[in-house]
C-alpha cells in the first residue's frame, strides 16, 4: 500500500465519521501529536504573551460560531500570524490576552506557518532570549 492510498483511506474514514485520532506510526498517535503540538504552542505563547492571543470568535462574524467546542489561539510573529483551532479544554493553559475576535486571517497555508515559525525561531536565537 502506498502513502497516497493510506492517506486516501484515512480521509475516507474521516468522511464516514470515524475518528482517526488513534492512527499510529507505532510510536505515537495523531492524538499524541496534536496534544504535544498544543502543549508546545502553549509554552511558546506563555513565554511571549505580548504577541500572543486567544479568542472564542473568528475575525469575521459570518465565520462564527467557532468549531463546536473549540477556540482559536495565535502568535503575531514579525512575518505574520500563526494560529490554531484547539479544544476548549486547553483554554486555561494559555495564560495570554483574550480578544473579543481573532485577528484577520490572511489565508496562509501550512508552508507559510513553517516559514513564519522558522523565521521566528531564528529571530529568538539572534536575540539570545533564554528562559
N, C-alpha and C. Protein backbone atom coordinates (compact mmCIF):
# COMPACT_ATOMS: atom_id res chain seq x y z
N UNK A 1 0.85 -1.18 0.00
CA UNK A 1 0.00 0.00 0.00
C UNK A 1 0.90 1.25 0.00
N UNK A 2 0.56 2.22 -0.81
CA UNK A 2 1.35 3.44 -0.91
C UNK A 2 0.89 4.47 0.14
N UNK A 3 1.71 5.48 0.35
CA UNK A 3 1.35 6.56 1.27
C UNK A 3 0.07 7.25 0.78
N UNK A 4 -0.04 7.45 -0.51
CA UNK A 4 -1.24 8.08 -1.08
C UNK A 4 -2.48 7.25 -0.79
N UNK A 5 -2.37 5.93 -0.91
CA UNK A 5 -3.50 5.04 -0.63
C UNK A 5 -3.87 5.09 0.86
N UNK A 6 -2.87 5.13 1.71
CA UNK A 6 -3.13 5.22 3.16
C UNK A 6 -3.83 6.53 3.47
N UNK A 7 -3.33 7.63 2.91
CA UNK A 7 -3.96 8.93 3.15
C UNK A 7 -5.39 8.96 2.64
N UNK A 8 -5.64 8.33 1.50
CA UNK A 8 -7.00 8.29 0.96
C UNK A 8 -7.91 7.49 1.89
N UNK A 9 -7.41 6.40 2.42
CA UNK A 9 -8.21 5.58 3.34
C UNK A 9 -8.51 6.35 4.62
N UNK A 10 -7.54 7.07 5.14
CA UNK A 10 -7.76 7.89 6.34
C UNK A 10 -8.83 8.93 6.05
N UNK A 11 -8.75 9.60 4.91
CA UNK A 11 -9.77 10.59 4.54
C UNK A 11 -11.14 9.94 4.43
N UNK A 12 -11.20 8.76 3.81
CA UNK A 12 -12.48 8.05 3.69
C UNK A 12 -13.08 7.74 5.07
N UNK A 13 -12.23 7.33 6.00
CA UNK A 13 -12.69 7.05 7.35
C UNK A 13 -13.23 8.32 8.00
N UNK A 14 -12.49 9.42 7.88
CA UNK A 14 -12.95 10.69 8.46
C UNK A 14 -14.27 11.12 7.84
N UNK A 15 -14.37 11.01 6.51
CA UNK A 15 -15.61 11.38 5.81
C UNK A 15 -16.79 10.54 6.27
N UNK A 16 -16.51 9.31 6.70
CA UNK A 16 -17.56 8.40 7.17
C UNK A 16 -17.86 8.62 8.66
N UNK A 17 -17.17 9.60 9.27
CA UNK A 17 -17.43 9.91 10.67
C UNK A 17 -16.64 9.08 11.66
N UNK A 18 -15.64 8.36 11.18
CA UNK A 18 -14.81 7.53 12.05
C UNK A 18 -13.63 8.36 12.55
N UNK A 19 -13.39 8.34 13.85
CA UNK A 19 -12.24 9.06 14.40
C UNK A 19 -10.94 8.37 13.99
N UNK A 20 -9.98 9.16 13.56
CA UNK A 20 -8.67 8.61 13.18
C UNK A 20 -7.60 9.04 14.18
N UNK A 21 -8.02 9.56 15.33
CA UNK A 21 -7.07 10.03 16.33
C UNK A 21 -6.17 8.90 16.85
N UNK A 22 -6.63 7.67 16.75
CA UNK A 22 -5.84 6.53 17.22
C UNK A 22 -4.87 5.99 16.19
N UNK A 23 -4.89 6.53 14.97
CA UNK A 23 -3.95 6.07 13.94
C UNK A 23 -2.54 6.36 14.42
N UNK A 24 -1.67 5.36 14.26
CA UNK A 24 -0.35 5.44 14.86
C UNK A 24 0.76 5.09 13.89
N UNK A 25 1.94 5.66 14.17
CA UNK A 25 3.16 5.28 13.43
C UNK A 25 3.91 4.20 14.23
N UNK A 26 3.24 3.58 15.15
CA UNK A 26 3.69 2.57 16.11
C UNK A 26 4.36 3.18 17.34
N UNK A 27 4.59 4.47 17.33
CA UNK A 27 5.16 5.16 18.49
C UNK A 27 4.20 6.20 19.05
N UNK A 28 3.53 6.92 18.17
CA UNK A 28 2.61 7.98 18.57
C UNK A 28 1.36 7.94 17.70
N UNK A 29 0.26 8.39 18.27
CA UNK A 29 -0.98 8.51 17.50
C UNK A 29 -1.15 9.95 17.03
N UNK A 30 -2.10 10.14 16.12
CA UNK A 30 -2.44 11.51 15.73
C UNK A 30 -2.79 12.33 16.97
N UNK A 31 -3.54 11.73 17.88
CA UNK A 31 -3.94 12.44 19.11
C UNK A 31 -2.72 12.83 19.94
N UNK A 32 -1.72 11.95 20.00
CA UNK A 32 -0.49 12.27 20.74
C UNK A 32 0.20 13.49 20.13
N UNK A 33 0.32 13.49 18.80
CA UNK A 33 0.99 14.61 18.14
C UNK A 33 0.22 15.92 18.32
N UNK A 34 -1.11 15.85 18.27
CA UNK A 34 -1.92 17.05 18.47
C UNK A 34 -1.75 17.59 19.89
N UNK A 35 -1.77 16.69 20.86
CA UNK A 35 -1.59 17.13 22.26
C UNK A 35 -0.20 17.74 22.45
N UNK A 36 0.80 17.09 21.88
CA UNK A 36 2.17 17.61 22.00
C UNK A 36 2.29 19.00 21.36
N UNK A 37 1.74 19.16 20.17
CA UNK A 37 1.78 20.47 19.49
C UNK A 37 1.07 21.52 20.33
N UNK A 38 -0.08 21.14 20.90
CA UNK A 38 -0.84 22.08 21.72
C UNK A 38 -0.03 22.53 22.92
N UNK A 39 0.58 21.59 23.62
CA UNK A 39 1.36 21.93 24.81
C UNK A 39 2.60 22.76 24.47
N UNK A 40 3.25 22.42 23.38
CA UNK A 40 4.42 23.22 22.96
C UNK A 40 4.01 24.62 22.55
N UNK A 41 2.87 24.75 21.86
CA UNK A 41 2.41 26.07 21.45
C UNK A 41 1.99 26.87 22.69
N UNK A 42 1.40 26.22 23.69
CA UNK A 42 1.07 26.91 24.94
C UNK A 42 2.33 27.43 25.60
N UNK A 43 3.38 26.65 25.58
CA UNK A 43 4.65 27.08 26.16
C UNK A 43 5.17 28.33 25.45
N UNK A 44 5.18 28.31 24.14
CA UNK A 44 5.67 29.45 23.36
C UNK A 44 4.80 30.69 23.63
N UNK A 45 3.49 30.52 23.57
CA UNK A 45 2.59 31.66 23.79
C UNK A 45 2.74 32.24 25.19
N UNK A 46 2.89 31.38 26.19
CA UNK A 46 3.04 31.85 27.55
C UNK A 46 4.39 32.52 27.80
N UNK A 47 5.40 32.15 27.04
CA UNK A 47 6.71 32.81 27.13
C UNK A 47 6.66 34.17 26.44
N UNK A 48 5.84 34.27 25.39
CA UNK A 48 5.73 35.51 24.62
C UNK A 48 4.29 36.04 24.67
N UNK A 49 3.76 36.36 25.85
CA UNK A 49 2.37 36.80 25.94
C UNK A 49 2.11 38.13 25.25
N UNK A 50 3.14 38.92 25.07
CA UNK A 50 2.97 40.23 24.44
C UNK A 50 2.62 40.14 22.96
N UNK A 51 2.85 38.99 22.34
CA UNK A 51 2.50 38.82 20.93
C UNK A 51 1.51 37.67 20.72
N UNK A 52 0.94 37.19 21.83
CA UNK A 52 0.02 36.05 21.78
C UNK A 52 -1.40 36.49 22.12
N UNK A 53 -2.37 35.67 21.71
CA UNK A 53 -3.78 35.97 21.96
C UNK A 53 -4.61 34.69 21.83
N UNK A 54 -5.82 34.76 22.38
CA UNK A 54 -6.79 33.67 22.22
C UNK A 54 -8.17 34.29 22.09
N UNK A 55 -9.05 33.60 21.39
CA UNK A 55 -10.40 34.12 21.18
C UNK A 55 -11.37 32.97 20.93
N UNK A 56 -12.62 33.20 21.30
CA UNK A 56 -13.67 32.23 21.03
C UNK A 56 -14.47 32.60 19.79
N UNK A 57 -14.03 33.68 19.11
CA UNK A 57 -14.71 34.12 17.90
C UNK A 57 -13.71 34.42 16.79
N UNK A 58 -14.13 34.14 15.56
CA UNK A 58 -13.32 34.48 14.39
C UNK A 58 -13.35 35.98 14.13
N UNK A 59 -12.45 36.43 13.26
CA UNK A 59 -12.40 37.84 12.86
C UNK A 59 -13.72 38.25 12.21
N UNK A 60 -14.21 37.41 11.30
CA UNK A 60 -15.45 37.71 10.59
C UNK A 60 -16.62 37.05 11.30
N UNK A 61 -17.61 37.86 11.63
CA UNK A 61 -18.78 37.35 12.35
C UNK A 61 -19.47 36.23 11.58
N UNK A 62 -19.48 36.31 10.24
CA UNK A 62 -20.16 35.28 9.45
C UNK A 62 -19.46 33.93 9.52
N UNK A 63 -18.22 33.89 10.03
CA UNK A 63 -17.49 32.62 10.17
C UNK A 63 -17.75 31.98 11.53
N UNK A 64 -18.57 32.64 12.35
CA UNK A 64 -18.91 32.09 13.66
C UNK A 64 -20.23 31.33 13.55
N UNK A 65 -20.54 30.42 14.40
CA UNK A 65 -19.77 30.13 15.60
C UNK A 65 -18.48 29.37 15.29
N UNK A 66 -17.59 29.43 16.23
CA UNK A 66 -16.34 28.68 16.14
C UNK A 66 -16.70 27.21 16.01
N UNK A 67 -15.75 26.40 15.57
CA UNK A 67 -15.99 24.95 15.54
C UNK A 67 -16.48 24.54 16.93
N UNK A 68 -17.40 23.61 16.98
CA UNK A 68 -18.02 23.21 18.23
C UNK A 68 -16.97 22.80 19.27
N UNK A 69 -16.97 23.50 20.40
CA UNK A 69 -16.06 23.17 21.49
C UNK A 69 -14.63 23.64 21.28
N UNK A 70 -14.41 24.53 20.33
CA UNK A 70 -13.06 24.99 20.02
C UNK A 70 -12.88 26.48 20.31
N UNK A 71 -11.63 26.89 20.33
CA UNK A 71 -11.26 28.30 20.34
C UNK A 71 -10.07 28.43 19.40
N UNK A 72 -9.66 29.65 19.15
CA UNK A 72 -8.51 29.90 18.28
C UNK A 72 -7.45 30.62 19.11
N UNK A 73 -6.21 30.23 18.92
CA UNK A 73 -5.09 30.83 19.66
C UNK A 73 -4.01 31.16 18.65
N UNK A 74 -3.33 32.29 18.87
CA UNK A 74 -2.34 32.69 17.88
C UNK A 74 -1.16 33.45 18.43
N UNK A 75 -0.20 33.59 17.56
CA UNK A 75 1.06 34.28 17.84
C UNK A 75 1.29 35.24 16.68
N UNK A 76 1.48 36.51 16.98
CA UNK A 76 1.74 37.52 15.94
C UNK A 76 3.24 37.65 15.74
N UNK A 77 3.78 36.86 14.82
CA UNK A 77 5.22 36.94 14.54
C UNK A 77 5.49 38.15 13.64
N UNK A 78 6.73 38.58 13.56
CA UNK A 78 7.05 39.69 12.66
C UNK A 78 6.68 39.42 11.20
N UNK A 79 6.61 38.16 10.81
CA UNK A 79 6.29 37.80 9.43
C UNK A 79 4.83 37.44 9.22
N UNK A 80 4.02 37.48 10.29
CA UNK A 80 2.61 37.17 10.16
C UNK A 80 2.09 36.29 11.29
N UNK A 81 0.80 36.12 11.29
CA UNK A 81 0.12 35.35 12.34
C UNK A 81 0.29 33.85 12.13
N UNK A 82 0.41 33.15 13.25
CA UNK A 82 0.34 31.69 13.29
C UNK A 82 -0.79 31.39 14.25
N UNK A 83 -1.76 30.60 13.83
CA UNK A 83 -2.87 30.30 14.73
C UNK A 83 -3.34 28.87 14.56
N UNK A 84 -3.99 28.38 15.61
CA UNK A 84 -4.52 27.03 15.61
C UNK A 84 -5.89 27.03 16.27
N UNK A 85 -6.78 26.17 15.80
CA UNK A 85 -8.03 25.91 16.49
C UNK A 85 -7.75 24.77 17.46
N UNK A 86 -8.14 24.97 18.72
CA UNK A 86 -7.91 23.97 19.76
C UNK A 86 -9.19 23.74 20.54
N UNK A 87 -9.24 22.63 21.24
CA UNK A 87 -10.39 22.31 22.09
C UNK A 87 -10.41 23.23 23.31
N UNK A 88 -11.62 23.62 23.72
CA UNK A 88 -11.77 24.50 24.88
C UNK A 88 -11.15 23.92 26.15
N UNK A 89 -10.96 22.63 26.20
CA UNK A 89 -10.31 22.01 27.36
C UNK A 89 -8.92 22.58 27.60
N UNK A 90 -8.29 23.13 26.57
CA UNK A 90 -6.94 23.70 26.69
C UNK A 90 -6.94 25.21 26.98
N UNK A 91 -8.10 25.83 27.02
CA UNK A 91 -8.21 27.29 27.17
C UNK A 91 -7.35 27.82 28.32
N UNK A 92 -7.45 27.22 29.50
CA UNK A 92 -6.81 27.76 30.69
C UNK A 92 -5.29 27.64 30.71
N UNK A 93 -4.73 26.75 29.90
CA UNK A 93 -3.25 26.65 29.90
C UNK A 93 -2.62 27.77 29.09
N UNK A 94 -3.43 28.50 28.34
CA UNK A 94 -2.94 29.66 27.60
C UNK A 94 -3.21 30.90 28.44
N UNK A 95 -2.23 31.30 29.23
CA UNK A 95 -2.36 32.46 30.12
C UNK A 95 -1.91 33.71 29.36
N UNK A 96 -2.71 34.06 28.37
CA UNK A 96 -2.39 35.15 27.44
C UNK A 96 -3.64 36.01 27.25
N UNK A 97 -3.49 37.18 26.65
CA UNK A 97 -4.66 38.05 26.47
C UNK A 97 -5.77 37.39 25.64
N UNK A 98 -7.00 37.63 26.09
CA UNK A 98 -8.17 37.17 25.35
C UNK A 98 -8.70 38.33 24.51
N UNK A 99 -8.94 38.06 23.24
CA UNK A 99 -9.50 39.06 22.34
C UNK A 99 -10.98 38.76 22.08
N UNK A 100 -11.76 39.80 21.86
CA UNK A 100 -13.17 39.62 21.51
C UNK A 100 -13.28 38.82 20.21
N UNK A 101 -12.42 39.15 19.23
CA UNK A 101 -12.38 38.44 17.95
C UNK A 101 -10.92 38.21 17.55
N UNK A 102 -10.67 37.08 16.92
CA UNK A 102 -9.32 36.77 16.44
C UNK A 102 -8.91 37.79 15.37
N UNK A 103 -7.60 38.02 15.22
CA UNK A 103 -7.14 38.89 14.14
C UNK A 103 -7.53 38.35 12.77
N UNK A 104 -7.46 39.21 11.79
CA UNK A 104 -7.78 38.86 10.41
C UNK A 104 -6.95 37.66 9.94
N UNK A 105 -7.60 36.72 9.31
CA UNK A 105 -6.94 35.54 8.75
C UNK A 105 -6.50 35.86 7.34
N UNK A 106 -5.19 35.84 7.09
CA UNK A 106 -4.65 36.23 5.79
C UNK A 106 -4.53 35.06 4.80
N UNK A 107 -5.26 33.98 5.07
CA UNK A 107 -5.33 32.80 4.17
C UNK A 107 -3.99 32.09 4.03
N UNK A 108 -3.16 32.17 5.07
CA UNK A 108 -1.88 31.49 5.00
C UNK A 108 -2.07 29.98 4.95
N UNK A 109 -1.09 29.30 4.36
CA UNK A 109 -1.09 27.85 4.23
C UNK A 109 -0.05 27.26 5.19
N UNK A 110 -0.02 25.94 5.29
CA UNK A 110 0.92 25.30 6.22
C UNK A 110 2.37 25.66 5.90
N UNK A 111 2.69 25.85 4.62
CA UNK A 111 4.05 26.24 4.26
C UNK A 111 4.39 27.61 4.84
N UNK A 112 3.39 28.51 4.86
CA UNK A 112 3.59 29.84 5.46
C UNK A 112 3.83 29.72 6.96
N UNK A 113 3.10 28.82 7.61
CA UNK A 113 3.29 28.61 9.05
C UNK A 113 4.71 28.12 9.32
N UNK A 114 5.16 27.15 8.54
CA UNK A 114 6.53 26.65 8.72
C UNK A 114 7.54 27.77 8.57
N UNK A 115 7.38 28.57 7.51
CA UNK A 115 8.31 29.67 7.26
C UNK A 115 8.26 30.70 8.39
N UNK A 116 7.07 31.05 8.83
CA UNK A 116 6.93 32.04 9.91
C UNK A 116 7.54 31.51 11.21
N UNK A 117 7.31 30.24 11.49
CA UNK A 117 7.90 29.65 12.70
C UNK A 117 9.42 29.60 12.62
N UNK A 118 9.93 29.16 11.47
CA UNK A 118 11.38 29.09 11.31
C UNK A 118 12.02 30.46 11.46
N UNK A 119 11.42 31.47 10.87
CA UNK A 119 11.98 32.82 10.97
C UNK A 119 11.85 33.36 12.40
N UNK A 120 10.77 33.01 13.09
CA UNK A 120 10.61 33.44 14.48
C UNK A 120 11.66 32.77 15.35
N UNK A 121 11.91 31.49 15.16
CA UNK A 121 12.94 30.78 15.91
C UNK A 121 14.30 31.44 15.68
N UNK A 122 14.62 31.74 14.42
CA UNK A 122 15.89 32.40 14.10
C UNK A 122 16.00 33.74 14.80
N UNK A 123 14.91 34.51 14.82
CA UNK A 123 14.91 35.82 15.47
C UNK A 123 15.15 35.67 16.97
N UNK A 124 14.51 34.69 17.58
CA UNK A 124 14.68 34.48 19.03
C UNK A 124 16.11 34.07 19.33
N UNK A 125 16.67 33.19 18.51
CA UNK A 125 18.05 32.76 18.70
C UNK A 125 19.00 33.95 18.59
N UNK A 126 18.78 34.81 17.61
CA UNK A 126 19.62 36.00 17.42
C UNK A 126 19.57 36.92 18.63
N UNK A 127 18.42 37.00 19.26
CA UNK A 127 18.26 37.88 20.44
C UNK A 127 18.81 37.20 21.70
N UNK A 128 19.16 35.92 21.57
CA UNK A 128 19.68 35.13 22.68
C UNK A 128 18.75 35.17 23.89
N UNK A 129 17.48 35.02 23.60
CA UNK A 129 16.50 35.00 24.68
C UNK A 129 16.58 33.65 25.37
N UNK A 130 16.80 33.66 26.68
CA UNK A 130 16.92 32.43 27.46
C UNK A 130 15.82 32.42 28.50
N UNK A 131 15.20 31.26 28.64
CA UNK A 131 14.12 31.10 29.62
C UNK A 131 14.72 30.77 30.96
